[in-house]
PDB file of all heavy atoms in Angstrom:
ATOM      1  N   ARG A   1     144.170 138.202 100.203  1.00  0.00           N
ATOM      2  CA  ARG A   1     142.766 138.558 100.627  1.00  0.00           C
ATOM      3  C   ARG A   1     142.822 139.619 101.730  1.00  0.00           C
ATOM      4  O   ARG A   1     143.771 139.792 102.445  1.00  0.00           O
ATOM      5  CB  ARG A   1     142.159 137.250 101.353  1.00  0.00           C
ATOM      6  CG  ARG A   1     141.755 136.188 100.304  1.00  0.00           C
ATOM      7  CD  ARG A   1     141.316 134.918 100.999  1.00  0.00           C
ATOM      8  NE  ARG A   1     140.427 135.161 101.953  1.00  0.00           N
ATOM      9  CZ  ARG A   1     139.960 134.175 102.853  1.00  0.00           C
ATOM     10  NH1 ARG A   1     140.501 132.879 102.815  1.00  0.00           N
ATOM     11  NH2 ARG A   1     139.022 134.517 103.761  1.00  0.00           N
ATOM     12  N   ARG A   2     141.706 140.400 101.821  1.00  0.00           N
ATOM     13  CA  ARG A   2     141.680 141.455 102.689  1.00  0.00           C
ATOM     14  C   ARG A   2     141.575 140.870 104.188  1.00  0.00           C
ATOM     15  O   ARG A   2     140.864 139.927 104.504  1.00  0.00           O
ATOM     16  CB  ARG A   2     140.478 142.374 102.502  1.00  0.00           C
ATOM     17  CG  ARG A   2     140.631 143.242 101.251  1.00  0.00           C
ATOM     18  CD  ARG A   2     139.433 144.222 101.112  1.00  0.00           C
ATOM     19  NE  ARG A   2     139.665 145.147  99.944  1.00  0.00           N
ATOM     20  CZ  ARG A   2     138.749 146.038  99.671  1.00  0.00           C
ATOM     21  NH1 ARG A   2     137.787 146.285 100.387  1.00  0.00           N
ATOM     22  NH2 ARG A   2     139.101 146.837  98.481  1.00  0.00           N
ATOM     23  N   VAL A   3     142.349 141.495 105.000  1.00  0.00           N
ATOM     24  CA  VAL A   3     142.486 141.040 106.416  1.00  0.00           C
ATOM     25  C   VAL A   3     141.097 141.116 107.158  1.00  0.00           C
ATOM     26  O   VAL A   3     140.788 140.332 108.003  1.00  0.00           O
ATOM     27  CB  VAL A   3     143.563 141.853 107.222  1.00  0.00           C
ATOM     28  CG1 VAL A   3     143.550 141.405 108.678  1.00  0.00           C
ATOM     29  CG2 VAL A   3     144.825 141.621 106.483  1.00  0.00           C
ATOM     30  N   GLY A   4     140.321 142.081 106.714  1.00  0.00           N
ATOM     31  CA  GLY A   4     139.009 142.292 107.328  1.00  0.00           C
ATOM     32  C   GLY A   4     138.122 141.026 107.216  1.00  0.00           C
ATOM     33  O   GLY A   4     137.075 140.790 107.975  1.00  0.00           O
ATOM     34  N   GLY A   5     138.339 140.182 106.177  1.00  0.00           N
ATOM     35  CA  GLY A   5     137.558 138.974 106.084  1.00  0.00           C
ATOM     36  C   GLY A   5     138.206 137.720 106.697  1.00  0.00           C
ATOM     37  O   GLY A   5     137.664 136.582 106.597  1.00  0.00           O
ATOM     38  N   PHE A   6     139.318 137.964 107.413  1.00  0.00           N
ATOM     39  CA  PHE A   6     139.924 136.866 108.075  1.00  0.00           C
ATOM     40  C   PHE A   6     139.173 136.336 109.252  1.00  0.00           C
ATOM     41  O   PHE A   6     138.534 137.091 110.022  1.00  0.00           O
ATOM     42  CB  PHE A   6     141.409 137.188 108.506  1.00  0.00           C
ATOM     43  CG  PHE A   6     142.438 137.038 107.428  1.00  0.00           C
ATOM     44  CD1 PHE A   6     142.034 136.948 106.080  1.00  0.00           C
ATOM     45  CD2 PHE A   6     143.756 137.137 107.749  1.00  0.00           C
ATOM     46  CE1 PHE A   6     142.956 136.916 105.090  1.00  0.00           C
ATOM     47  CE2 PHE A   6     144.785 137.002 106.795  1.00  0.00           C
ATOM     48  CZ  PHE A   6     144.310 136.990 105.462  1.00  0.00           C
ATOM     49  N   SER A   7     139.240 135.009 109.526  1.00  0.00           N
ATOM     50  CA  SER A   7     138.749 134.490 110.796  1.00  0.00           C
ATOM     51  C   SER A   7     139.704 134.842 111.874  1.00  0.00           C
ATOM     52  O   SER A   7     140.832 135.318 111.628  1.00  0.00           O
ATOM     53  CB  SER A   7     138.608 132.957 110.644  1.00  0.00           C
ATOM     54  OG  SER A   7     139.930 132.296 110.504  1.00  0.00           O
ATOM     55  N   LEU A   8     139.256 134.610 113.112  1.00  0.00           N
ATOM     56  CA  LEU A   8     140.106 134.884 114.279  1.00  0.00           C
ATOM     57  C   LEU A   8     141.384 134.094 114.182  1.00  0.00           C
ATOM     58  O   LEU A   8     142.474 134.616 114.419  1.00  0.00           O
ATOM     59  CB  LEU A   8     139.318 134.503 115.605  1.00  0.00           C
ATOM     60  CG  LEU A   8     140.122 134.705 116.916  1.00  0.00           C
ATOM     61  CD1 LEU A   8     140.529 136.251 116.981  1.00  0.00           C
ATOM     62  CD2 LEU A   8     139.266 134.322 118.105  1.00  0.00           C
ATOM     63  N   GLY A   9     141.340 132.809 113.880  1.00  0.00           N
ATOM     64  CA  GLY A   9     142.559 131.983 113.705  1.00  0.00           C
ATOM     65  C   GLY A   9     143.530 132.492 112.630  1.00  0.00           C
ATOM     66  O   GLY A   9     144.691 132.483 112.909  1.00  0.00           O
ATOM     67  N   MET A  10     142.942 132.902 111.483  1.00  0.00           N
ATOM     68  CA  MET A  10     143.831 133.433 110.450  1.00  0.00           C
ATOM     69  C   MET A  10     144.451 134.735 110.880  1.00  0.00           C
ATOM     70  O   MET A  10     145.541 134.971 110.551  1.00  0.00           O
ATOM     71  CB  MET A  10     143.003 133.699 109.145  1.00  0.00           C
ATOM     72  CG  MET A  10     142.613 132.389 108.540  1.00  0.00           C
ATOM     73  SD  MET A  10     141.339 132.681 107.109  1.00  0.00           S
ATOM     74  CE  MET A  10     142.487 133.384 105.837  1.00  0.00           C
ATOM     75  N   GLY A  11     143.713 135.537 111.633  1.00  0.00           N
ATOM     76  CA  GLY A  11     144.381 136.765 112.183  1.00  0.00           C
ATOM     77  C   GLY A  11     145.510 136.446 113.063  1.00  0.00           C
ATOM     78  O   GLY A  11     146.452 137.278 113.119  1.00  0.00           O
ATOM     79  N   GLN A  12     145.438 135.389 113.942  1.00  0.00           N
ATOM     80  CA  GLN A  12     146.438 134.951 114.811  1.00  0.00           C
ATOM     81  C   GLN A  12     147.643 134.587 113.989  1.00  0.00           C
ATOM     82  O   GLN A  12     148.766 134.950 114.335  1.00  0.00           O
ATOM     83  CB  GLN A  12     145.956 133.919 115.714  1.00  0.00           C
ATOM     84  CG  GLN A  12     144.935 134.238 116.838  1.00  0.00           C
ATOM     85  CD  GLN A  12     145.535 135.166 117.780  1.00  0.00           C
ATOM     86  OE1 GLN A  12     145.257 136.407 117.800  1.00  0.00           O
ATOM     87  NE2 GLN A  12     146.391 134.598 118.741  1.00  0.00           N
ATOM     88  N   ARG A  13     147.460 133.776 112.952  1.00  0.00           N
ATOM     89  CA  ARG A  13     148.541 133.416 112.083  1.00  0.00           C
ATOM     90  C   ARG A  13     149.224 134.682 111.478  1.00  0.00           C
ATOM     91  O   ARG A  13     150.440 134.755 111.405  1.00  0.00           O
ATOM     92  CB  ARG A  13     148.064 132.499 111.051  1.00  0.00           C
ATOM     93  CG  ARG A  13     147.671 131.069 111.513  1.00  0.00           C
ATOM     94  CD  ARG A  13     147.124 130.204 110.358  1.00  0.00           C
ATOM     95  NE  ARG A  13     146.771 128.971 110.816  1.00  0.00           N
ATOM     96  CZ  ARG A  13     147.491 127.809 110.708  1.00  0.00           C
ATOM     97  NH1 ARG A  13     148.741 127.990 110.073  1.00  0.00           N
ATOM     98  NH2 ARG A  13     147.197 126.637 111.129  1.00  0.00           N
ATOM     99  N   LEU A  14     148.477 135.639 111.038  1.00  0.00           N
ATOM    100  CA  LEU A  14     149.033 136.808 110.555  1.00  0.00           C
ATOM    101  C   LEU A  14     149.892 137.590 111.631  1.00  0.00           C
ATOM    102  O   LEU A  14     150.991 138.105 111.247  1.00  0.00           O
ATOM    103  CB  LEU A  14     147.965 137.784 109.961  1.00  0.00           C
ATOM    104  CG  LEU A  14     148.439 139.098 109.339  1.00  0.00           C
ATOM    105  CD1 LEU A  14     149.481 138.790 108.166  1.00  0.00           C
ATOM    106  CD2 LEU A  14     147.182 139.945 108.846  1.00  0.00           C
ATOM    107  N   GLY A  15     149.397 137.589 112.825  1.00  0.00           N
ATOM    108  CA  GLY A  15     150.127 138.286 113.957  1.00  0.00           C
ATOM    109  C   GLY A  15     151.305 137.557 114.159  1.00  0.00           C
ATOM    110  O   GLY A  15     152.453 138.173 114.456  1.00  0.00           O
ATOM    111  N   VAL A  16     151.391 136.255 114.083  1.00  0.00           N
ATOM    112  CA  VAL A  16     152.650 135.393 114.308  1.00  0.00           C
ATOM    113  C   VAL A  16     153.648 135.767 113.119  1.00  0.00           C
ATOM    114  O   VAL A  16     154.792 135.972 113.456  1.00  0.00           O
ATOM    115  CB  VAL A  16     152.346 133.951 114.318  1.00  0.00           C
ATOM    116  CG1 VAL A  16     153.605 133.196 114.383  1.00  0.00           C
ATOM    117  CG2 VAL A  16     151.476 133.681 115.659  1.00  0.00           C
ATOM    118  N   ALA A  17     153.111 135.897 111.943  1.00  0.00           N
ATOM    119  CA  ALA A  17     153.988 136.205 110.789  1.00  0.00           C
ATOM    120  C   ALA A  17     154.536 137.575 110.968  1.00  0.00           C
ATOM    121  O   ALA A  17     155.795 137.739 110.705  1.00  0.00           O
ATOM    122  CB  ALA A  17     153.112 136.312 109.527  1.00  0.00           C
ATOM    123  N   ALA A  18     153.805 138.535 111.538  1.00  0.00           N
ATOM    124  CA  ALA A  18     154.426 139.848 111.731  1.00  0.00           C
ATOM    125  C   ALA A  18     155.490 139.837 112.808  1.00  0.00           C
ATOM    126  O   ALA A  18     156.538 140.459 112.824  1.00  0.00           O
ATOM    127  CB  ALA A  18     153.281 140.750 112.268  1.00  0.00           C
ATOM    128  N   ALA A  19     155.294 138.929 113.876  1.00  0.00           N
ATOM    129  CA  ALA A  19     156.283 138.869 114.944  1.00  0.00           C
ATOM    130  C   ALA A  19     157.542 138.177 114.448  1.00  0.00           C
ATOM    131  O   ALA A  19     158.641 138.477 114.939  1.00  0.00           O
ATOM    132  CB  ALA A  19     155.705 137.985 116.073  1.00  0.00           C
ATOM    133  N   LEU A  20     157.437 137.333 113.396  1.00  0.00           N
ATOM    134  CA  LEU A  20     158.653 136.653 112.933  1.00  0.00           C
ATOM    135  C   LEU A  20     159.380 137.397 111.769  1.00  0.00           C
ATOM    136  O   LEU A  20     160.362 137.040 111.267  1.00  0.00           O
ATOM    137  CB  LEU A  20     158.234 135.310 112.341  1.00  0.00           C
ATOM    138  CG  LEU A  20     157.706 134.308 113.472  1.00  0.00           C
ATOM    139  CD1 LEU A  20     157.186 133.097 112.779  1.00  0.00           C
ATOM    140  CD2 LEU A  20     158.921 133.892 114.325  1.00  0.00           C
ATOM    141  N   LEU A  21     158.707 138.485 111.280  1.00  0.00           N
ATOM    142  CA  LEU A  21     159.098 139.240 110.109  1.00  0.00           C
ATOM    143  C   LEU A  21     160.629 139.582 110.135  1.00  0.00           C
ATOM    144  O   LEU A  21     161.399 139.442 109.151  1.00  0.00           O
ATOM    145  CB  LEU A  21     158.268 140.497 109.896  1.00  0.00           C
ATOM    146  CG  LEU A  21     158.435 141.208 108.572  1.00  0.00           C
ATOM    147  CD1 LEU A  21     158.122 140.238 107.406  1.00  0.00           C
ATOM    148  CD2 LEU A  21     157.586 142.418 108.538  1.00  0.00           C
ATOM    149  N   GLY A  22     161.102 140.099 111.252  1.00  0.00           N
ATOM    150  CA  GLY A  22     162.422 140.614 111.342  1.00  0.00           C
ATOM    151  C   GLY A  22     163.411 139.451 111.767  1.00  0.00           C
ATOM    152  O   GLY A  22     164.564 139.760 112.161  1.00  0.00           O
ATOM    153  N   ASP A  23     162.944 138.241 111.875  1.00  0.00           N
ATOM    154  CA  ASP A  23     163.842 137.009 112.229  1.00  0.00           C
ATOM    155  C   ASP A  23     164.467 137.332 113.585  1.00  0.00           C
ATOM    156  O   ASP A  23     165.649 137.220 113.756  1.00  0.00           O
ATOM    157  CB  ASP A  23     164.856 136.772 111.144  1.00  0.00           C
ATOM    158  CG  ASP A  23     165.480 135.380 111.304  1.00  0.00           C
ATOM    159  OD1 ASP A  23     164.857 134.539 111.976  1.00  0.00           O
ATOM    160  OD2 ASP A  23     166.569 135.152 110.786  1.00  0.00           O
ATOM    161  N   PRO A  24     163.548 137.646 114.586  1.00  0.00           N
ATOM    162  CA  PRO A  24     164.269 138.090 115.881  1.00  0.00           C
ATOM    163  C   PRO A  24     164.732 137.019 116.715  1.00  0.00           C
ATOM    164  O   PRO A  24     164.332 135.892 116.569  1.00  0.00           O
ATOM    165  CB  PRO A  24     162.953 138.743 116.524  1.00  0.00           C
ATOM    166  CG  PRO A  24     161.856 137.935 116.019  1.00  0.00           C
ATOM    167  CD  PRO A  24     162.108 137.581 114.573  1.00  0.00           C
ATOM    168  N   ALA A  25     165.644 137.417 117.631  1.00  0.00           N
ATOM    169  CA  ALA A  25     166.188 136.454 118.571  1.00  0.00           C
ATOM    170  C   ALA A  25     165.292 136.261 119.705  1.00  0.00           C
ATOM    171  O   ALA A  25     165.387 135.195 120.389  1.00  0.00           O
ATOM    172  CB  ALA A  25     167.512 136.980 119.120  1.00  0.00           C
ATOM    173  N   THR A  26     164.383 137.147 119.940  1.00  0.00           N
ATOM    174  CA  THR A  26     163.297 136.985 121.033  1.00  0.00           C
ATOM    175  C   THR A  26     161.891 137.251 120.601  1.00  0.00           C
ATOM    176  O   THR A  26     161.578 138.046 119.733  1.00  0.00           O
ATOM    177  CB  THR A  26     163.759 138.110 122.098  1.00  0.00           C
ATOM    178  OG1 THR A  26     165.006 137.874 122.593  1.00  0.00           O
ATOM    179  CG2 THR A  26     162.734 138.006 123.282  1.00  0.00           C
ATOM    180  N   LEU A  27     160.991 136.335 121.050  1.00  0.00           N
ATOM    181  CA  LEU A  27     159.639 136.396 120.747  1.00  0.00           C
ATOM    182  C   LEU A  27     158.784 136.596 122.016  1.00  0.00           C
ATOM    183  O   LEU A  27     158.995 135.871 123.038  1.00  0.00           O
ATOM    184  CB  LEU A  27     159.157 135.171 120.008  1.00  0.00           C
ATOM    185  CG  LEU A  27     159.642 134.964 118.566  1.00  0.00           C
ATOM    186  CD1 LEU A  27     159.557 133.583 118.090  1.00  0.00           C
ATOM    187  CD2 LEU A  27     158.890 135.954 117.678  1.00  0.00           C
ATOM    188  N   VAL A  28     157.793 137.547 122.039  1.00  0.00           N
ATOM    189  CA  VAL A  28     156.872 137.778 123.063  1.00  0.00           C
ATOM    190  C   VAL A  28     155.485 137.680 122.466  1.00  0.00           C
ATOM    191  O   VAL A  28     155.036 138.442 121.597  1.00  0.00           O
ATOM    192  CB  VAL A  28     157.101 139.140 123.635  1.00  0.00           C
ATOM    193  CG1 VAL A  28     156.014 139.354 124.757  1.00  0.00           C
ATOM    194  CG2 VAL A  28     158.473 139.352 124.236  1.00  0.00           C
ATOM    195  N   LEU A  29     154.752 136.547 122.928  1.00  0.00           N
ATOM    196  CA  LEU A  29     153.447 136.254 122.317  1.00  0.00           C
ATOM    197  C   LEU A  29     152.484 136.169 123.341  1.00  0.00           C
ATOM    198  O   LEU A  29     152.531 135.434 124.380  1.00  0.00           O
ATOM    199  CB  LEU A  29     153.534 134.807 121.488  1.00  0.00           C
ATOM    200  CG  LEU A  29     154.659 134.771 120.547  1.00  0.00           C
ATOM    201  CD1 LEU A  29     154.695 133.379 119.923  1.00  0.00           C
ATOM    202  CD2 LEU A  29     154.539 135.763 119.347  1.00  0.00           C
ATOM    203  N   ASP A  30     151.413 137.017 123.177  1.00  0.00           N
ATOM    204  CA  ASP A  30     150.257 137.029 124.133  1.00  0.00           C
ATOM    205  C   ASP A  30     149.077 136.240 123.570  1.00  0.00           C
ATOM    206  O   ASP A  30     148.552 136.608 122.500  1.00  0.00           O
ATOM    207  CB  ASP A  30     149.911 138.495 124.451  1.00  0.00           C
ATOM    208  CG  ASP A  30     148.884 138.566 125.547  1.00  0.00           C
ATOM    209  OD1 ASP A  30     148.661 137.555 126.218  1.00  0.00           O
ATOM    210  OD2 ASP A  30     148.436 139.755 125.756  1.00  0.00           O
ATOM    211  N   GLU A  31     148.792 135.142 124.217  1.00  0.00           N
ATOM    212  CA  GLU A  31     147.578 134.210 123.796  1.00  0.00           C
ATOM    213  C   GLU A  31     147.738 133.842 122.260  1.00  0.00           C
ATOM    214  O   GLU A  31     146.801 134.122 121.470  1.00  0.00           O
ATOM    215  CB  GLU A  31     146.261 134.900 123.976  1.00  0.00           C
ATOM    216  CG  GLU A  31     146.045 135.265 125.474  1.00  0.00           C
ATOM    217  CD  GLU A  31     145.809 134.060 126.328  1.00  0.00           C
ATOM    218  OE1 GLU A  31     145.629 133.002 125.783  1.00  0.00           O
ATOM    219  OE2 GLU A  31     145.777 134.189 127.572  1.00  0.00           O
ATOM    220  N   PRO A  32     148.858 133.323 121.734  1.00  0.00           N
ATOM    221  CA  PRO A  32     148.985 132.968 120.356  1.00  0.00           C
ATOM    222  C   PRO A  32     148.116 131.879 119.789  1.00  0.00           C
ATOM    223  O   PRO A  32     147.892 131.905 118.621  1.00  0.00           O
ATOM    224  CB  PRO A  32     150.483 132.475 120.356  1.00  0.00           C
ATOM    225  CG  PRO A  32     150.813 131.987 121.602  1.00  0.00           C
ATOM    226  CD  PRO A  32     149.994 132.839 122.539  1.00  0.00           C
ATOM    227  N   VAL A  33     147.495 131.117 120.653  1.00  0.00           N
ATOM    228  CA  VAL A  33     146.621 130.015 120.113  1.00  0.00           C
ATOM    229  C   VAL A  33     145.150 130.470 120.115  1.00  0.00           C
ATOM    230  O   VAL A  33     144.297 129.684 119.780  1.00  0.00           O
ATOM    231  CB  VAL A  33     146.792 128.724 120.854  1.00  0.00           C
ATOM    232  CG1 VAL A  33     148.182 128.080 120.770  1.00  0.00           C
ATOM    233  CG2 VAL A  33     146.350 128.875 122.273  1.00  0.00           C
ATOM    234  N   ASN A  34     144.901 131.704 120.437  1.00  0.00           N
ATOM    235  CA  ASN A  34     143.470 132.147 120.616  1.00  0.00           C
ATOM    236  C   ASN A  34     142.957 132.060 119.141  1.00  0.00           C
ATOM    237  O   ASN A  34     143.338 132.622 118.171  1.00  0.00           O
ATOM    238  CB  ASN A  34     143.474 133.593 121.052  1.00  0.00           C
ATOM    239  CG  ASN A  34     142.076 134.163 121.365  1.00  0.00           C
ATOM    240  OD1 ASN A  34     141.202 133.330 121.598  1.00  0.00           O
ATOM    241  ND2 ASN A  34     141.968 135.404 121.258  1.00  0.00           N
ATOM    242  N   GLY A  35     141.696 131.367 119.114  1.00  0.00           N
ATOM    243  CA  GLY A  35     140.968 131.224 117.829  1.00  0.00           C
ATOM    244  C   GLY A  35     141.508 130.189 116.939  1.00  0.00           C
ATOM    245  O   GLY A  35     140.887 129.912 115.879  1.00  0.00           O
ATOM    246  N   LEU A  36     142.620 129.457 117.259  1.00  0.00           N
ATOM    247  CA  LEU A  36     143.156 128.400 116.411  1.00  0.00           C
ATOM    248  C   LEU A  36     142.380 127.129 116.564  1.00  0.00           C
ATOM    249  O   LEU A  36     141.964 126.873 117.650  1.00  0.00           O
ATOM    250  CB  LEU A  36     144.703 128.215 116.567  1.00  0.00           C
ATOM    251  CG  LEU A  36     145.510 129.421 116.275  1.00  0.00           C
ATOM    252  CD1 LEU A  36     147.018 128.910 116.688  1.00  0.00           C
ATOM    253  CD2 LEU A  36     145.495 129.688 114.883  1.00  0.00           C
ATOM    254  N   ASP A  37     142.231 126.264 115.567  1.00  0.00           N
ATOM    255  CA  ASP A  37     141.588 125.112 115.525  1.00  0.00           C
ATOM    256  C   ASP A  37     142.633 124.117 116.032  1.00  0.00           C
ATOM    257  O   ASP A  37     143.833 124.392 116.270  1.00  0.00           O
ATOM    258  CB  ASP A  37     140.918 124.609 114.275  1.00  0.00           C
ATOM    259  CG  ASP A  37     141.960 124.616 113.170  1.00  0.00           C
ATOM    260  OD1 ASP A  37     143.299 124.534 113.407  1.00  0.00           O
ATOM    261  OD2 ASP A  37     141.596 124.633 111.899  1.00  0.00           O
ATOM    262  N   PRO A  38     142.273 122.741 116.325  1.00  0.00           N
ATOM    263  CA  PRO A  38     143.333 121.847 116.923  1.00  0.00           C
ATOM    264  C   PRO A  38     144.519 121.712 116.078  1.00  0.00           C
ATOM    265  O   PRO A  38     145.583 121.578 116.444  1.00  0.00           O
ATOM    266  CB  PRO A  38     142.491 120.524 116.929  1.00  0.00           C
ATOM    267  CG  PRO A  38     141.097 120.982 117.187  1.00  0.00           C
ATOM    268  CD  PRO A  38     140.914 122.235 116.385  1.00  0.00           C
ATOM    269  N   GLN A  39     144.372 121.737 114.695  1.00  0.00           N
ATOM    270  CA  GLN A  39     145.536 121.598 113.720  1.00  0.00           C
ATOM    271  C   GLN A  39     146.422 122.887 113.967  1.00  0.00           C
ATOM    272  O   GLN A  39     147.699 122.776 114.078  1.00  0.00           O
ATOM    273  CB  GLN A  39     145.055 121.578 112.358  1.00  0.00           C
ATOM    274  CG  GLN A  39     146.201 121.305 111.372  1.00  0.00           C
ATOM    275  CD  GLN A  39     145.797 121.201 109.935  1.00  0.00           C
ATOM    276  OE1 GLN A  39     144.640 121.650 109.619  1.00  0.00           O
ATOM    277  NE2 GLN A  39     146.471 120.637 109.028  1.00  0.00           N
ATOM    278  N   GLY A  40     145.784 124.026 114.078  1.00  0.00           N
ATOM    279  CA  GLY A  40     146.530 125.311 114.319  1.00  0.00           C
ATOM    280  C   GLY A  40     147.272 125.397 115.620  1.00  0.00           C
ATOM    281  O   GLY A  40     148.402 125.830 115.670  1.00  0.00           O
ATOM    282  N   ILE A  41     146.682 124.841 116.638  1.00  0.00           N
ATOM    283  CA  ILE A  41     147.254 124.721 117.934  1.00  0.00           C
ATOM    284  C   ILE A  41     148.521 123.838 117.903  1.00  0.00           C
ATOM    285  O   ILE A  41     149.540 124.169 118.452  1.00  0.00           O
ATOM    286  CB  ILE A  41     146.235 124.271 119.023  1.00  0.00           C
ATOM    287  CG1 ILE A  41     145.235 125.307 119.284  1.00  0.00           C
ATOM    288  CG2 ILE A  41     146.923 123.985 120.404  1.00  0.00           C
ATOM    289  CD1 ILE A  41     144.048 124.845 120.113  1.00  0.00           C
ATOM    290  N   LEU A  42     148.371 122.720 117.254  1.00  0.00           N
ATOM    291  CA  LEU A  42     149.497 121.869 117.092  1.00  0.00           C
ATOM    292  C   LEU A  42     150.668 122.516 116.362  1.00  0.00           C
ATOM    293  O   LEU A  42     151.854 122.414 116.687  1.00  0.00           O
ATOM    294  CB  LEU A  42     149.164 120.503 116.414  1.00  0.00           C
ATOM    295  CG  LEU A  42     150.286 119.535 116.057  1.00  0.00           C
ATOM    296  CD1 LEU A  42     150.950 119.031 117.410  1.00  0.00           C
ATOM    297  CD2 LEU A  42     149.696 118.384 115.322  1.00  0.00           C
ATOM    298  N   TRP A  43     150.286 123.271 115.316  1.00  0.00           N
ATOM    299  CA  TRP A  43     151.268 123.939 114.558  1.00  0.00           C
ATOM    300  C   TRP A  43     152.020 124.960 115.305  1.00  0.00           C
ATOM    301  O   TRP A  43     153.215 125.045 115.308  1.00  0.00           O
ATOM    302  CB  TRP A  43     150.510 124.696 113.318  1.00  0.00           C
ATOM    303  CG  TRP A  43     151.375 125.772 112.728  1.00  0.00           C
ATOM    304  CD1 TRP A  43     152.456 125.599 111.840  1.00  0.00           C
ATOM    305  CD2 TRP A  43     151.200 127.172 112.927  1.00  0.00           C
ATOM    306  NE1 TRP A  43     152.874 126.881 111.628  1.00  0.00           N
ATOM    307  CE2 TRP A  43     152.274 127.854 112.141  1.00  0.00           C
ATOM    308  CE3 TRP A  43     150.391 127.885 113.542  1.00  0.00           C
ATOM    309  CZ2 TRP A  43     152.387 129.209 112.113  1.00  0.00           C
ATOM    310  CZ3 TRP A  43     150.416 129.360 113.628  1.00  0.00           C
ATOM    311  CH2 TRP A  43     151.447 129.885 112.905  1.00  0.00           C
ATOM    312  N   ILE A  44     151.274 125.805 116.087  1.00  0.00           N
ATOM    313  CA  ILE A  44     151.991 126.918 116.840  1.00  0.00           C
ATOM    314  C   ILE A  44     152.799 126.202 117.973  1.00  0.00           C
ATOM    315  O   ILE A  44     153.904 126.679 118.229  1.00  0.00           O
ATOM    316  CB  ILE A  44     150.932 127.827 117.492  1.00  0.00           C
ATOM    317  CG1 ILE A  44     151.675 129.098 118.075  1.00  0.00           C
ATOM    318  CG2 ILE A  44     150.187 127.235 118.618  1.00  0.00           C
ATOM    319  CD1 ILE A  44     152.284 129.990 117.002  1.00  0.00           C
ATOM    320  N   ARG A  45     152.434 125.118 118.539  1.00  0.00           N
ATOM    321  CA  ARG A  45     153.214 124.420 119.618  1.00  0.00           C
ATOM    322  C   ARG A  45     154.472 123.990 118.924  1.00  0.00           C
ATOM    323  O   ARG A  45     155.540 124.142 119.533  1.00  0.00           O
ATOM    324  CB  ARG A  45     152.349 123.261 120.125  1.00  0.00           C
ATOM    325  CG  ARG A  45     153.136 122.466 121.196  1.00  0.00           C
ATOM    326  CD  ARG A  45     152.462 121.100 121.542  1.00  0.00           C
ATOM    327  NE  ARG A  45     150.998 121.232 121.572  1.00  0.00           N
ATOM    328  CZ  ARG A  45     150.149 120.316 121.309  1.00  0.00           C
ATOM    329  NH1 ARG A  45     150.647 119.082 120.891  1.00  0.00           N
ATOM    330  NH2 ARG A  45     148.811 120.479 121.448  1.00  0.00           N
ATOM    331  N   THR A  46     154.389 123.280 117.811  1.00  0.00           N
ATOM    332  CA  THR A  46     155.628 122.878 117.193  1.00  0.00           C
ATOM    333  C   THR A  46     156.472 123.983 116.839  1.00  0.00           C
ATOM    334  O   THR A  46     157.704 123.869 116.908  1.00  0.00           O
ATOM    335  CB  THR A  46     155.125 121.982 115.940  1.00  0.00           C
ATOM    336  OG1 THR A  46     154.279 121.008 116.256  1.00  0.00           O
ATOM    337  CG2 THR A  46     156.404 121.351 115.215  1.00  0.00           C
TER     338      THR A  46
END
């Protein structure tokens, strides 16, 4: 699906996917739960 039609929460998930793309040893995340619903917040916390 085109990213332009994503909700804020889906956009955050895509941003997390991009951060993990290189399987990095270090992660720097600015407001990663912004726009996520309760299930999404639990997911990012886990």
